[in-house]
Amino acid sequence: MQARLGARLKEARETLGITQEDAATAVGIPRTAIVSMERGTRNVSATELSVMASLYRRSVPWLLGEPSDAPVDGNALFRATASLSEADKKQVLRFAQFLSSAGTPPSTDQAL
């Protein structure tokens, strides 16, 4: 159980490009604790699990190894942008925010 949880924690963290140090700071624990959790050699408290689920944008059940609820497209987007410069990442974020605020586009099926 701990090994599966550790693998899921590591996968979720790496998918988002979050360092172990950043995760540790967000959770309020030493980086070595994150290392131990990901190796499956340290128990994860309910509070830590909740904070990490929020940080990693995953549900607690997913982290615990239950069926995936992670959007495949979101993961692909994170992987695709991982190697971009910070300036390019900001540009992608601005574009995503623009698309989000634009609302639903008009249907192209309607006759003019």
C-alpha atoms as a PDB file:
ATOM      1  CA  MET A   1       0.000   0.000   0.000  1.00  0.00           C
ATOM      2  CA  GLN A   2       2.732   2.494   0.940  1.00  0.00           C
ATOM      3  CA  ALA A   3       4.755   1.637  -2.173  1.00  0.00           C
ATOM      4  CA  ARG A   4       1.751   2.270  -4.435  1.00  0.00           C
ATOM      5  CA  LEU A   5       0.986   5.541  -2.637  1.00  0.00           C
ATOM      6  CA  GLY A   6       4.621   6.587  -2.938  1.00  0.00           C
ATOM      7  CA  ALA A   7       4.655   5.851  -6.669  1.00  0.00           C
ATOM      8  CA  ARG A   8       1.450   7.841  -7.170  1.00  0.00           C
ATOM      9  CA  LEU A   9       2.796  10.791  -5.174  1.00  0.00           C
ATOM     10  CA  LYS A  10       5.972  10.826  -7.237  1.00  0.00           C
ATOM     11  CA  GLU A  11       4.074  10.506 -10.529  1.00  0.00           C
ATOM     12  CA  ALA A  12       1.713  13.349  -9.659  1.00  0.00           C
ATOM     13  CA  ARG A  13       4.553  15.608  -8.485  1.00  0.00           C
ATOM     14  CA  GLU A  14       6.693  14.959 -11.552  1.00  0.00           C
ATOM     15  CA  THR A  15       3.743  15.411 -13.926  1.00  0.00           C
ATOM     16  CA  LEU A  16       3.355  18.951 -12.640  1.00  0.00           C
ATOM     17  CA  GLY A  17       7.088  19.616 -12.611  1.00  0.00           C
ATOM     18  CA  ILE A  18       7.129  20.268  -8.862  1.00  0.00           C
ATOM     19  CA  THR A  19      10.432  19.641  -7.107  1.00  0.00           C
ATOM     20  CA  GLN A  20      10.646  17.626  -3.915  1.00  0.00           C
ATOM     21  CA  GLU A  21      11.843  20.772  -2.157  1.00  0.00           C
ATOM     22  CA  ASP A  22       8.810  22.765  -3.353  1.00  0.00           C
ATOM     23  CA  ALA A  23       6.462  19.963  -2.299  1.00  0.00           C
ATOM     24  CA  ALA A  24       8.105  19.764   1.118  1.00  0.00           C
ATOM     25  CA  THR A  25       7.764  23.514   1.616  1.00  0.00           C
ATOM     26  CA  ALA A  26       4.074  23.420   0.631  1.00  0.00           C
ATOM     27  CA  VAL A  27       3.358  20.545   3.020  1.00  0.00           C
ATOM     28  CA  GLY A  28       5.551  21.966   5.787  1.00  0.00           C
ATOM     29  CA  ILE A  29       7.880  18.990   6.134  1.00  0.00           C
ATOM     30  CA  PRO A  30      11.552  18.329   5.302  1.00  0.00           C
ATOM     31  CA  ARG A  31      12.469  17.296   1.751  1.00  0.00           C
ATOM     32  CA  THR A  32      13.773  14.007   3.134  1.00  0.00           C
ATOM     33  CA  ALA A  33      10.218  13.221   4.262  1.00  0.00           C
ATOM     34  CA  ILE A  34       8.987  13.621   0.666  1.00  0.00           C
ATOM     35  CA  VAL A  35      11.794  11.309  -0.492  1.00  0.00           C
ATOM     36  CA  SER A  36      10.790   8.712   2.111  1.00  0.00           C
ATOM     37  CA  MET A  37       7.090   8.987   1.219  1.00  0.00           C
ATOM     38  CA  GLU A  38       7.830   8.485  -2.473  1.00  0.00           C
ATOM     39  CA  ARG A  39       9.978   5.441  -1.664  1.00  0.00           C
ATOM     40  CA  GLY A  40       7.157   4.019   0.422  1.00  0.00           C
ATOM     41  CA  THR A  41       9.238   3.960   3.593  1.00  0.00           C
ATOM     42  CA  ARG A  42       7.355   6.645   5.525  1.00  0.00           C
ATOM     43  CA  ASN A  43       3.702   6.800   6.457  1.00  0.00           C
ATOM     44  CA  VAL A  44       1.719   9.748   5.121  1.00  0.00           C
ATOM     45  CA  SER A  45      -0.664  11.419   7.552  1.00  0.00           C
ATOM     46  CA  ALA A  46      -4.209  12.261   6.506  1.00  0.00           C
ATOM     47  CA  THR A  47      -3.376  15.969   6.662  1.00  0.00           C
ATOM     48  CA  GLU A  48      -0.263  15.545   4.516  1.00  0.00           C
ATOM     49  CA  LEU A  49      -2.207  13.443   2.021  1.00  0.00           C
ATOM     50  CA  SER A  50      -4.927  16.077   1.774  1.00  0.00           C
ATOM     51  CA  VAL A  51      -2.423  18.902   1.218  1.00  0.00           C
ATOM     52  CA  MET A  52      -0.512  16.878  -1.378  1.00  0.00           C
ATOM     53  CA  ALA A  53      -3.707  15.936  -3.235  1.00  0.00           C
ATOM     54  CA  SER A  54      -4.571  19.610  -3.537  1.00  0.00           C
ATOM     55  CA  LEU A  55      -1.020  20.581  -4.488  1.00  0.00           C
ATOM     56  CA  TYR A  56      -0.782  17.817  -7.102  1.00  0.00           C
ATOM     57  CA  ARG A  57      -4.304  18.425  -8.422  1.00  0.00           C
ATOM     58  CA  ARG A  58      -5.324  14.828  -7.781  1.00  0.00           C
ATOM     59  CA  SER A  59      -7.946  13.235  -5.597  1.00  0.00           C
ATOM     60  CA  VAL A  60      -7.046  11.371  -2.437  1.00  0.00           C
ATOM     61  CA  PRO A  61      -8.616   8.166  -3.842  1.00  0.00           C
ATOM     62  CA  TRP A  62      -6.394   8.417  -6.936  1.00  0.00           C
ATOM     63  CA  LEU A  63      -3.301   8.870  -4.777  1.00  0.00           C
ATOM     64  CA  LEU A  64      -4.343   5.796  -2.803  1.00  0.00           C
ATOM     65  CA  GLY A  65      -4.420   3.753  -6.011  1.00  0.00           C
ATOM     66  CA  GLU A  66      -8.097   3.731  -6.822  1.00  0.00           C
ATOM     67  CA  PRO A  67      -9.228   4.105 -10.461  1.00  0.00           C
ATOM     68  CA  SER A  68      -7.864   7.135 -12.239  1.00  0.00           C
ATOM     69  CA  ASP A  69      -9.834  10.359 -12.244  1.00  0.00           C
ATOM     70  CA  ALA A  70      -7.042  12.422 -13.754  1.00  0.00           C
ATOM     71  CA  PRO A  71      -7.864  14.094 -17.035  1.00  0.00           C
ATOM     72  CA  VAL A  72      -5.599  12.638 -19.707  1.00  0.00           C
ATOM     73  CA  ASP A  73      -5.598  15.898 -21.663  1.00  0.00           C
ATOM     74  CA  GLY A  74      -4.420  17.822 -18.605  1.00  0.00           C
ATOM     75  CA  ASN A  75      -1.503  15.480 -18.097  1.00  0.00           C
ATOM     76  CA  ALA A  76      -0.557  15.793 -21.756  1.00  0.00           C
ATOM     77  CA  LEU A  77      -0.641  19.576 -21.440  1.00  0.00           C
ATOM     78  CA  PHE A  78       1.652  19.517 -18.409  1.00  0.00           C
ATOM     79  CA  ARG A  79       4.110  17.212 -20.170  1.00  0.00           C
ATOM     80  CA  ALA A  80       4.014  19.271 -23.366  1.00  0.00           C
ATOM     81  CA  THR A  81       4.811  22.499 -21.543  1.00  0.00           C
ATOM     82  CA  ALA A  82       7.368  21.095 -19.097  1.00  0.00           C
ATOM     83  CA  SER A  83      10.371  22.015 -21.234  1.00  0.00           C
ATOM     84  CA  LEU A  84       9.185  25.519 -22.123  1.00  0.00           C
ATOM     85  CA  SER A  85      10.894  28.616 -20.789  1.00  0.00           C
ATOM     86  CA  GLU A  86       9.170  30.490 -17.981  1.00  0.00           C
ATOM     87  CA  ALA A  87       8.204  33.243 -20.432  1.00  0.00           C
ATOM     88  CA  ASP A  88       6.644  30.698 -22.801  1.00  0.00           C
ATOM     89  CA  LYS A  89       4.791  29.010 -19.915  1.00  0.00           C
ATOM     90  CA  LYS A  90       3.333  32.393 -18.953  1.00  0.00           C
ATOM     91  CA  GLN A  91       2.229  32.921 -22.553  1.00  0.00           C
ATOM     92  CA  VAL A  92       0.528  29.504 -22.624  1.00  0.00           C
ATOM     93  CA  LEU A  93      -1.196  30.319 -19.325  1.00  0.00           C
ATOM     94  CA  ARG A  94      -2.434  33.674 -20.667  1.00  0.00           C
ATOM     95  CA  PHE A  95      -3.803  31.934 -23.761  1.00  0.00           C
ATOM     96  CA  ALA A  96      -5.543  29.269 -21.654  1.00  0.00           C
ATOM     97  CA  GLN A  97      -7.071  31.992 -19.468  1.00  0.00           C
ATOM     98  CA  PHE A  98      -8.229  33.817 -22.607  1.00  0.00           C
ATOM     99  CA  LEU A  99      -9.860  30.653 -23.954  1.00  0.00           C
ATOM    100  CA  SER A 100     -11.472  29.941 -20.588  1.00  0.00           C
ATOM    101  CA  SER A 101     -12.950  33.423 -20.304  1.00  0.00           C
ATOM    102  CA  ALA A 102     -14.246  33.456 -23.890  1.00  0.00           C
ATOM    103  CA  GLY A 103     -17.042  31.029 -23.068  1.00  0.00           C
ATOM    104  CA  THR A 104     -18.557  28.504 -25.414  1.00  0.00           C
ATOM    105  CA  PRO A 105     -17.867  29.288 -29.063  1.00  0.00           C
ATOM    106  CA  PRO A 106     -20.865  29.635 -31.362  1.00  0.00           C
ATOM    107  CA  SER A 107     -21.895  26.469 -33.161  1.00  0.00           C
ATOM    108  CA  THR A 108     -20.531  26.131 -36.687  1.00  0.00           C
ATOM    109  CA  ASP A 109     -23.535  23.940 -37.619  1.00  0.00           C
ATOM    110  CA  GLN A 110     -25.944  26.875 -37.772  1.00  0.00           C
ATOM    111  CA  ALA A 111     -26.745  28.292 -41.169  1.00  0.00           C
ATOM    112  CA  LEU A 112     -25.864  31.939 -41.685  1.00  0.00           C
END
